[in-house]
Amino acid sequence: MENLYKKSEIWFAIVLIIIYTIGHSITDQLSIDIGYEKLITFIFDFIFTIIIFCFIRKNNLSNYYGLCKTKQKASKFYISSH
């Protein structure tokens, strides 16, 4: 996956979208089949999210995608209604 990401971020994103869509559809049906709607779907989504976050951290992409702490204090973001 790293090679695909380095070669083309767009194709990497498209592959992830396809994996997510197919995986979500399959696990949604499995959840219905076992009688607990969205249970297996939730597990798939959770694991998929963990894998993506691990990929981002492993490749030092947190800042690139804006998944980092801000340098400003939270009080600086307050907008007065007056």
N, C-alpha and C. Protein backbone atom coordinates (compact mmCIF):
# COMPACT_ATOMS: atom_id res chain seq x y z
N MET A 1 0.82 -1.19 0.00
CA MET A 1 0.00 0.00 0.00
C MET A 1 0.87 1.26 0.00
N GLU A 2 2.03 1.19 0.66
CA GLU A 2 2.90 2.35 0.69
C GLU A 2 3.38 2.72 -0.70
N ASN A 3 3.67 1.71 -1.51
CA ASN A 3 4.11 1.99 -2.89
C ASN A 3 3.01 2.68 -3.67
N LEU A 4 1.77 2.21 -3.51
CA LEU A 4 0.65 2.84 -4.21
C LEU A 4 0.48 4.27 -3.73
N TYR A 5 0.60 4.50 -2.43
CA TYR A 5 0.46 5.86 -1.89
C TYR A 5 1.53 6.77 -2.47
N LYS A 6 2.78 6.28 -2.48
CA LYS A 6 3.88 7.10 -2.99
C LYS A 6 3.75 7.37 -4.49
N LYS A 7 3.18 6.42 -5.20
CA LYS A 7 3.01 6.56 -6.65
C LYS A 7 1.88 7.53 -6.98
N SER A 8 0.74 7.38 -6.29
CA SER A 8 -0.41 8.24 -6.58
C SER A 8 -1.36 8.28 -5.38
N GLU A 9 -1.45 9.45 -4.77
CA GLU A 9 -2.35 9.61 -3.62
C GLU A 9 -3.81 9.43 -4.04
N ILE A 10 -4.12 9.85 -5.24
CA ILE A 10 -5.51 9.73 -5.73
C ILE A 10 -5.90 8.27 -5.86
N TRP A 11 -5.06 7.45 -6.49
CA TRP A 11 -5.38 6.04 -6.67
C TRP A 11 -5.40 5.32 -5.32
N PHE A 12 -4.54 5.74 -4.42
CA PHE A 12 -4.53 5.18 -3.07
C PHE A 12 -5.89 5.44 -2.40
N ALA A 13 -6.36 6.67 -2.50
CA ALA A 13 -7.65 7.02 -1.92
C ALA A 13 -8.79 6.24 -2.57
N ILE A 14 -8.73 6.09 -3.88
CA ILE A 14 -9.78 5.35 -4.60
C ILE A 14 -9.80 3.88 -4.15
N VAL A 15 -8.62 3.28 -4.01
CA VAL A 15 -8.54 1.88 -3.54
C VAL A 15 -9.12 1.76 -2.14
N LEU A 16 -8.79 2.70 -1.26
CA LEU A 16 -9.34 2.66 0.10
C LEU A 16 -10.87 2.82 0.09
N ILE A 17 -11.37 3.68 -0.75
CA ILE A 17 -12.82 3.86 -0.86
C ILE A 17 -13.49 2.58 -1.34
N ILE A 18 -12.89 1.92 -2.31
CA ILE A 18 -13.44 0.66 -2.82
C ILE A 18 -13.41 -0.42 -1.73
N ILE A 19 -12.28 -0.53 -1.03
CA ILE A 19 -12.18 -1.52 0.06
C ILE A 19 -13.24 -1.24 1.12
N TYR A 20 -13.37 0.04 1.48
CA TYR A 20 -14.36 0.41 2.50
C TYR A 20 -15.78 0.09 2.04
N THR A 21 -16.11 0.45 0.81
CA THR A 21 -17.47 0.24 0.30
C THR A 21 -17.82 -1.24 0.23
N ILE A 22 -16.92 -2.04 -0.32
CA ILE A 22 -17.17 -3.48 -0.43
C ILE A 22 -17.20 -4.11 0.96
N GLY A 23 -16.23 -3.76 1.79
CA GLY A 23 -16.19 -4.31 3.15
C GLY A 23 -17.41 -3.94 3.96
N HIS A 24 -17.85 -2.70 3.82
CA HIS A 24 -19.03 -2.23 4.55
C HIS A 24 -20.27 -2.98 4.08
N SER A 25 -20.41 -3.19 2.79
CA SER A 25 -21.57 -3.92 2.25
C SER A 25 -21.59 -5.36 2.72
N ILE A 26 -20.44 -6.01 2.67
CA ILE A 26 -20.36 -7.42 3.08
C ILE A 26 -20.65 -7.56 4.58
N THR A 27 -20.01 -6.71 5.40
CA THR A 27 -20.21 -6.83 6.84
C THR A 27 -21.61 -6.41 7.26
N ASP A 28 -22.21 -5.50 6.52
CA ASP A 28 -23.59 -5.11 6.81
C ASP A 28 -24.52 -6.30 6.61
N GLN A 29 -24.33 -7.03 5.53
CA GLN A 29 -25.16 -8.21 5.26
C GLN A 29 -24.90 -9.31 6.29
N LEU A 30 -23.64 -9.50 6.66
CA LEU A 30 -23.32 -10.50 7.70
C LEU A 30 -23.97 -10.15 9.02
N SER A 31 -23.99 -8.87 9.37
CA SER A 31 -24.63 -8.43 10.60
C SER A 31 -26.12 -8.76 10.59
N ILE A 32 -26.75 -8.51 9.45
CA ILE A 32 -28.17 -8.81 9.32
C ILE A 32 -28.40 -10.32 9.43
N ASP A 33 -27.52 -11.10 8.79
CA ASP A 33 -27.66 -12.56 8.81
C ASP A 33 -27.56 -13.15 10.21
N ILE A 34 -26.70 -12.57 11.07
CA ILE A 34 -26.57 -13.11 12.41
C ILE A 34 -27.60 -12.53 13.37
N GLY A 35 -28.33 -11.53 12.92
CA GLY A 35 -29.41 -10.98 13.73
C GLY A 35 -29.03 -9.79 14.59
N TYR A 36 -27.83 -9.28 14.43
CA TYR A 36 -27.39 -8.09 15.17
C TYR A 36 -26.98 -7.03 14.16
N GLU A 37 -27.96 -6.21 13.76
CA GLU A 37 -27.67 -5.21 12.73
C GLU A 37 -26.53 -4.30 13.14
N LYS A 38 -25.63 -4.07 12.23
CA LYS A 38 -24.49 -3.16 12.33
C LYS A 38 -23.39 -3.62 13.28
N LEU A 39 -23.50 -4.78 13.92
CA LEU A 39 -22.46 -5.23 14.85
C LEU A 39 -21.15 -5.51 14.12
N ILE A 40 -21.18 -6.37 13.13
CA ILE A 40 -19.97 -6.70 12.38
C ILE A 40 -19.51 -5.49 11.56
N THR A 41 -20.47 -4.69 11.10
CA THR A 41 -20.14 -3.48 10.37
C THR A 41 -19.34 -2.53 11.25
N PHE A 42 -19.78 -2.38 12.50
CA PHE A 42 -19.06 -1.52 13.44
C PHE A 42 -17.63 -2.02 13.66
N ILE A 43 -17.48 -3.32 13.84
CA ILE A 43 -16.16 -3.91 14.06
C ILE A 43 -15.27 -3.65 12.84
N PHE A 44 -15.81 -3.86 11.64
CA PHE A 44 -15.05 -3.60 10.41
C PHE A 44 -14.64 -2.14 10.33
N ASP A 45 -15.59 -1.23 10.57
CA ASP A 45 -15.29 0.20 10.49
C ASP A 45 -14.22 0.60 11.51
N PHE A 46 -14.32 0.05 12.71
CA PHE A 46 -13.36 0.36 13.77
C PHE A 46 -11.96 -0.10 13.37
N ILE A 47 -11.84 -1.33 12.92
CA ILE A 47 -10.55 -1.87 12.51
C ILE A 47 -9.99 -1.12 11.30
N PHE A 48 -10.84 -0.80 10.34
CA PHE A 48 -10.42 -0.06 9.15
C PHE A 48 -9.87 1.31 9.55
N THR A 49 -10.54 1.98 10.47
CA THR A 49 -10.09 3.28 10.95
C THR A 49 -8.74 3.17 11.65
N ILE A 50 -8.58 2.16 12.49
CA ILE A 50 -7.31 1.94 13.19
C ILE A 50 -6.18 1.71 12.18
N ILE A 51 -6.45 0.91 11.17
CA ILE A 51 -5.44 0.64 10.14
C ILE A 51 -5.03 1.93 9.43
N ILE A 52 -6.00 2.77 9.09
CA ILE A 52 -5.69 4.03 8.40
C ILE A 52 -4.87 4.95 9.30
N PHE A 53 -5.26 5.06 10.57
CA PHE A 53 -4.50 5.90 11.50
C PHE A 53 -3.09 5.38 11.69
N CYS A 54 -2.94 4.07 11.77
CA CYS A 54 -1.60 3.48 11.90
C CYS A 54 -0.75 3.79 10.66
N PHE A 55 -1.35 3.70 9.49
CA PHE A 55 -0.64 4.03 8.25
C PHE A 55 -0.19 5.49 8.26
N ILE A 56 -1.08 6.37 8.68
CA ILE A 56 -0.76 7.79 8.73
C ILE A 56 0.38 8.06 9.70
N ARG A 57 0.32 7.45 10.88
CA ARG A 57 1.39 7.67 11.87
C ARG A 57 2.71 7.05 11.41
N LYS A 58 2.65 5.84 10.85
CA LYS A 58 3.86 5.15 10.42
C LYS A 58 4.61 5.95 9.35
N ASN A 59 3.86 6.61 8.50
CA ASN A 59 4.44 7.37 7.39
C ASN A 59 4.56 8.87 7.68
N ASN A 60 4.39 9.24 8.95
CA ASN A 60 4.53 10.64 9.38
C ASN A 60 3.68 11.60 8.54
N LEU A 61 2.42 11.26 8.37
CA LEU A 61 1.53 12.08 7.54
C LEU A 61 0.51 12.87 8.38
N SER A 62 0.66 12.85 9.70
CA SER A 62 -0.30 13.54 10.57
C SER A 62 -0.40 15.02 10.25
N ASN A 63 0.73 15.68 10.15
CA ASN A 63 0.71 17.11 9.83
C ASN A 63 0.17 17.37 8.43
N TYR A 64 0.53 16.52 7.49
CA TYR A 64 0.10 16.68 6.11
C TYR A 64 -1.43 16.66 6.00
N TYR A 65 -2.07 15.80 6.78
CA TYR A 65 -3.53 15.68 6.74
C TYR A 65 -4.23 16.48 7.83
N GLY A 66 -3.46 17.26 8.60
CA GLY A 66 -4.05 18.13 9.61
C GLY A 66 -4.50 17.40 10.86
N LEU A 67 -3.92 16.24 11.12
CA LEU A 67 -4.28 15.48 12.32
C LEU A 67 -3.23 15.72 13.40
N CYS A 68 -3.10 16.97 13.79
CA CYS A 68 -2.08 17.33 14.77
C CYS A 68 -2.64 18.41 15.69
N LYS A 69 -1.92 18.64 16.78
CA LYS A 69 -2.33 19.67 17.72
C LYS A 69 -2.09 21.04 17.10
N THR A 70 -2.93 21.96 17.50
CA THR A 70 -2.75 23.33 17.05
C THR A 70 -1.74 24.02 17.96
N LYS A 71 -1.08 25.02 17.45
CA LYS A 71 -0.12 25.76 18.25
C LYS A 71 -0.80 26.89 19.03
N GLN A 72 -2.05 27.16 18.69
CA GLN A 72 -2.81 28.20 19.36
C GLN A 72 -3.53 27.63 20.58
N LYS A 73 -3.76 28.48 21.57
CA LYS A 73 -4.55 28.07 22.72
C LYS A 73 -6.02 28.03 22.30
N ALA A 74 -6.79 27.19 22.97
CA ALA A 74 -8.20 27.07 22.65
C ALA A 74 -8.94 28.39 22.83
N SER A 75 -8.50 29.20 23.78
CA SER A 75 -9.16 30.48 24.02
C SER A 75 -9.04 31.44 22.83
N LYS A 76 -8.05 31.24 22.00
CA LYS A 76 -7.87 32.08 20.81
C LYS A 76 -8.94 31.81 19.76
N PHE A 77 -9.60 30.66 19.85
CA PHE A 77 -10.62 30.29 18.86
C PHE A 77 -12.01 30.77 19.25
N TYR A 78 -12.14 31.35 20.44
CA TYR A 78 -13.43 31.82 20.92
C TYR A 78 -13.86 33.03 20.10
N ILE A 79 -15.10 32.98 19.64
CA ILE A 79 -15.64 34.10 18.87
C ILE A 79 -16.75 34.71 19.70
N SER A 80 -16.59 35.95 20.02
CA SER A 80 -17.58 36.66 20.84
C SER A 80 -18.84 36.93 20.04
N SER A 81 -19.98 36.80 20.69
CA SER A 81 -21.26 37.07 20.00
C SER A 81 -21.64 38.53 20.12
N HIS A 82 -20.82 39.37 20.78
CA HIS A 82 -21.14 40.79 20.95
C HIS A 82 -20.54 41.62 19.88
